[in-house]
Amino acid sequence: MTLFKDTTKFLRENRIAKALTDRTIVYESHVRMFWKSVRYDEKEKMIYSIVQKKDENDKDIDVEVKFNVGDVRRVQDLGDIDDDPTIVPERLCKGLWFRMGFTGHVNDKDLKSMFSRPYKFLVHCVLHALSHRKGAYDEPSDYIKNIITCLVLNRPYNISQVLFDHMVDNIRGEKYIMYPRLFT
């Protein structure tokens, strides 16, 4: 039980605490509207979209929102800077994975079920709070592995840039319903 208390304390005091504890109610229709009208301006490095909100007369009005990496960083309070890395050496991730009780094969799929219980909880929380949701919920992608590695080892990592880049990738490719937490 102490390990879970330590893990929860670690998550509450970490720089991703706001992303983990956000309880804003978001409606799927709003998220769909955001992705329906979204566009990316390469020159300005800015994402634009139209969302609806209520005016003072309780009527729906369309409002254009725009944001960049700095806005993601500011709203989510991730404690990173532009110069922080977005890639972590693979050997560093794998070494940490084994120290976290990983029981799988090094070059096979990394499933959260292959970790010791407290670390399984840590991986689960980060996956659900920061994952771009285009894949399995129990299989951390490379950038999630990097985020977890940097959080546990207290190393700098540009989480804001990674989240923004995944939103841009979603705009350029086949769109899927990806919840942009930074609007909450």
Protein backbone atom coordinates (compact mmCIF):
# COMPACT_ATOMS: atom_id res chain seq x y z
CA MET A 1 0.00 0.00 0.00
CA THR A 2 2.90 2.36 0.71
CA LEU A 3 4.11 2.02 -2.88
CA PHE A 4 0.72 3.21 -4.17
CA LYS A 5 0.75 6.12 -1.73
CA ASP A 6 4.22 7.03 -2.92
CA THR A 7 3.13 6.77 -6.57
CA THR A 8 0.04 8.92 -6.02
CA LYS A 9 2.06 11.48 -4.10
CA PHE A 10 4.62 11.53 -6.93
CA LEU A 11 1.86 12.10 -9.51
CA ARG A 12 0.19 14.86 -7.44
CA GLU A 13 3.46 16.73 -7.01
CA ASN A 14 4.66 16.27 -10.57
CA ARG A 15 4.57 18.77 -13.42
CA ILE A 16 1.78 16.84 -15.17
CA ALA A 17 -0.51 17.05 -12.13
CA LYS A 18 -2.88 19.49 -13.85
CA ALA A 19 -3.32 17.16 -16.84
CA LEU A 20 -3.94 14.25 -14.47
CA THR A 21 -6.50 15.99 -12.28
CA ASP A 22 -8.48 17.98 -14.86
CA ARG A 23 -12.18 17.25 -14.32
CA THR A 24 -13.75 19.59 -16.85
CA ILE A 25 -16.80 18.11 -18.54
CA VAL A 26 -16.26 17.99 -22.27
CA TYR A 27 -18.96 17.03 -24.74
CA GLU A 28 -18.15 14.91 -27.76
CA SER A 29 -20.11 17.31 -29.99
CA HIS A 30 -17.74 20.14 -29.02
CA VAL A 31 -14.69 18.03 -29.72
CA ARG A 32 -16.14 16.96 -33.09
CA MET A 33 -16.83 20.60 -34.00
CA PHE A 34 -13.28 21.55 -33.09
CA TRP A 35 -11.78 18.84 -35.35
CA LYS A 36 -14.25 19.53 -38.17
CA SER A 37 -13.07 23.12 -38.62
CA VAL A 38 -9.44 22.86 -37.49
CA ARG A 39 -6.52 24.01 -39.63
CA TYR A 40 -2.80 24.49 -39.10
CA ASP A 41 -0.85 27.51 -40.31
CA GLU A 42 2.69 26.32 -40.99
CA LYS A 43 4.15 29.83 -41.23
CA GLU A 44 2.73 31.03 -37.92
CA LYS A 45 3.00 27.58 -36.28
CA MET A 46 -0.54 28.09 -35.02
CA ILE A 47 -3.65 25.89 -34.87
CA TYR A 48 -6.97 27.57 -35.68
CA SER A 49 -10.48 26.22 -35.18
CA ILE A 50 -14.07 27.32 -34.70
CA VAL A 51 -15.91 26.43 -31.50
CA GLN A 52 -19.32 27.41 -30.21
CA LYS A 53 -20.07 29.21 -27.02
CA LYS A 54 -23.06 30.96 -25.52
CA ASP A 55 -23.32 34.74 -25.72
CA GLU A 56 -24.91 36.96 -23.07
CA ASN A 57 -28.38 36.17 -24.53
CA ASP A 58 -27.75 32.42 -24.26
CA LYS A 59 -27.46 32.08 -28.05
CA ASP A 60 -24.83 29.88 -29.68
CA ILE A 61 -22.13 31.86 -31.45
CA ASP A 62 -19.09 30.68 -33.38
CA VAL A 63 -15.76 31.77 -31.97
CA GLU A 64 -12.37 31.26 -33.59
CA VAL A 65 -9.70 29.93 -31.27
CA LYS A 66 -6.02 29.88 -32.05
CA PHE A 67 -3.12 28.51 -30.10
CA ASN A 68 0.50 27.46 -30.37
CA VAL A 69 2.96 25.44 -28.29
CA GLY A 70 3.36 28.29 -25.82
CA ASP A 71 -0.38 28.29 -25.15
CA VAL A 72 -0.34 24.54 -24.49
CA ARG A 73 2.57 25.06 -22.10
CA ARG A 74 0.87 27.97 -20.32
CA VAL A 75 -2.58 26.40 -19.95
CA GLN A 76 -1.39 22.95 -18.91
CA ASP A 77 1.41 24.34 -16.71
CA LEU A 78 3.77 21.57 -17.79
CA GLY A 79 6.95 23.26 -16.62
CA ASP A 80 8.88 22.73 -19.84
CA ILE A 81 10.69 25.14 -22.15
CA ASP A 82 11.36 25.26 -25.90
CA ASP A 83 14.94 24.05 -25.48
CA ASP A 84 13.95 20.87 -23.60
CA PRO A 85 14.50 17.67 -25.62
CA THR A 86 11.66 15.74 -27.26
CA ILE A 87 13.64 12.52 -27.68
CA VAL A 88 15.23 10.43 -24.95
CA PRO A 89 17.90 7.77 -25.65
CA GLU A 90 16.25 4.36 -25.99
CA ARG A 91 18.73 2.72 -23.61
CA LEU A 92 17.71 5.19 -20.90
CA CYS A 93 14.03 4.26 -21.34
CA LYS A 94 14.74 0.52 -21.37
CA GLY A 95 16.98 0.76 -18.32
CA LEU A 96 14.29 2.58 -16.38
CA TRP A 97 11.63 0.15 -17.60
CA PHE A 98 13.55 -2.75 -16.03
CA ARG A 99 14.07 -0.83 -12.78
CA MET A 100 10.28 -0.33 -12.76
CA GLY A 101 9.79 -4.10 -12.72
CA PHE A 102 9.12 -4.63 -16.43
CA THR A 103 8.87 -8.37 -17.13
CA GLY A 104 8.52 -8.40 -20.92
CA HIS A 105 11.07 -8.87 -23.67
CA VAL A 106 13.18 -5.76 -24.41
CA ASN A 107 12.29 -5.43 -28.10
CA ASP A 108 8.71 -6.68 -27.92
CA LYS A 109 5.52 -4.76 -27.14
CA ASP A 110 5.59 -2.85 -23.89
CA LEU A 111 2.27 -3.45 -22.17
CA LYS A 112 1.41 -1.79 -18.89
CA SER A 113 0.42 -5.22 -17.52
CA MET A 114 4.12 -6.19 -17.62
CA PHE A 115 5.09 -3.72 -14.89
CA SER A 116 5.02 -4.10 -11.14
CA ARG A 117 1.71 -2.86 -9.69
CA PRO A 118 2.63 0.70 -8.60
CA TYR A 119 4.39 1.39 -11.89
CA LYS A 120 1.50 -0.13 -13.81
CA PHE A 121 -0.63 2.53 -12.12
CA LEU A 122 1.85 5.27 -13.08
CA VAL A 123 1.88 4.14 -16.74
CA HIS A 124 -1.92 3.92 -16.73
CA CYS A 125 -2.30 7.49 -15.41
CA VAL A 126 0.13 9.00 -17.91
CA LEU A 127 -1.41 7.05 -20.80
CA HIS A 128 -4.91 8.29 -20.02
CA ALA A 129 -3.90 11.88 -19.29
CA LEU A 130 -1.44 12.60 -22.10
CA SER A 131 -1.87 9.96 -24.79
CA HIS A 132 -3.18 11.03 -28.17
CA ARG A 133 -5.55 8.05 -28.05
CA LYS A 134 -4.67 6.58 -31.41
CA GLY A 135 -3.77 3.13 -30.26
CA ALA A 136 -4.20 0.75 -27.37
CA TYR A 137 -4.72 2.09 -23.87
CA ASP A 138 -2.39 -0.50 -22.40
CA GLU A 139 0.51 -0.06 -24.82
CA PRO A 140 2.58 3.09 -24.28
CA SER A 141 3.88 4.73 -27.44
CA ASP A 142 7.46 5.98 -27.70
CA TYR A 143 6.65 9.53 -26.63
CA ILE A 144 4.72 8.26 -23.59
CA LYS A 145 7.76 6.15 -22.66
CA ASN A 146 9.90 9.28 -22.99
CA ILE A 147 7.52 11.31 -20.81
CA ILE A 148 7.45 8.63 -18.10
CA THR A 149 11.24 8.25 -18.23
CA CYS A 150 11.81 11.98 -17.85
CA LEU A 151 9.22 12.31 -15.08
CA VAL A 152 10.64 9.44 -13.04
CA LEU A 153 14.26 10.53 -13.56
CA ASN A 154 13.34 14.22 -13.12
CA ARG A 155 14.84 15.13 -16.50
CA PRO A 156 13.67 17.96 -18.75
CA TYR A 157 11.29 17.03 -21.57
CA ASN A 158 9.28 19.25 -23.91
CA ILE A 159 5.85 17.70 -23.29
CA SER A 160 4.05 20.75 -24.73
CA GLN A 161 5.81 20.43 -28.08
CA VAL A 162 5.08 16.70 -28.29
CA LEU A 163 1.35 17.22 -27.55
CA PHE A 164 1.15 20.06 -30.06
CA ASP A 165 2.95 18.00 -32.73
CA HIS A 166 0.47 15.15 -32.28
CA MET A 167 -2.40 17.58 -32.76
CA VAL A 168 -0.78 18.87 -35.96
CA ASP A 169 -0.28 15.27 -37.16
CA ASN A 170 -3.97 14.68 -36.54
CA ILE A 171 -4.87 17.75 -38.61
CA ARG A 172 -2.71 16.60 -41.52
CA GLY A 173 -3.83 12.97 -41.50
CA GLU A 174 -7.09 11.14 -41.15
CA LYS A 175 -8.74 12.97 -38.27
CA TYR A 176 -9.93 11.11 -35.22
CA ILE A 177 -11.61 12.37 -32.09
CA MET A 178 -8.71 13.60 -30.01
CA TYR A 179 -9.65 15.55 -26.90
CA PRO A 180 -7.63 18.79 -26.82
CA ARG A 181 -7.35 19.21 -23.03
CA LEU A 182 -5.80 22.63 -23.34
CA PHE A 183 -9.20 24.24 -23.99
CA THR A 184 -10.60 23.30 -20.61
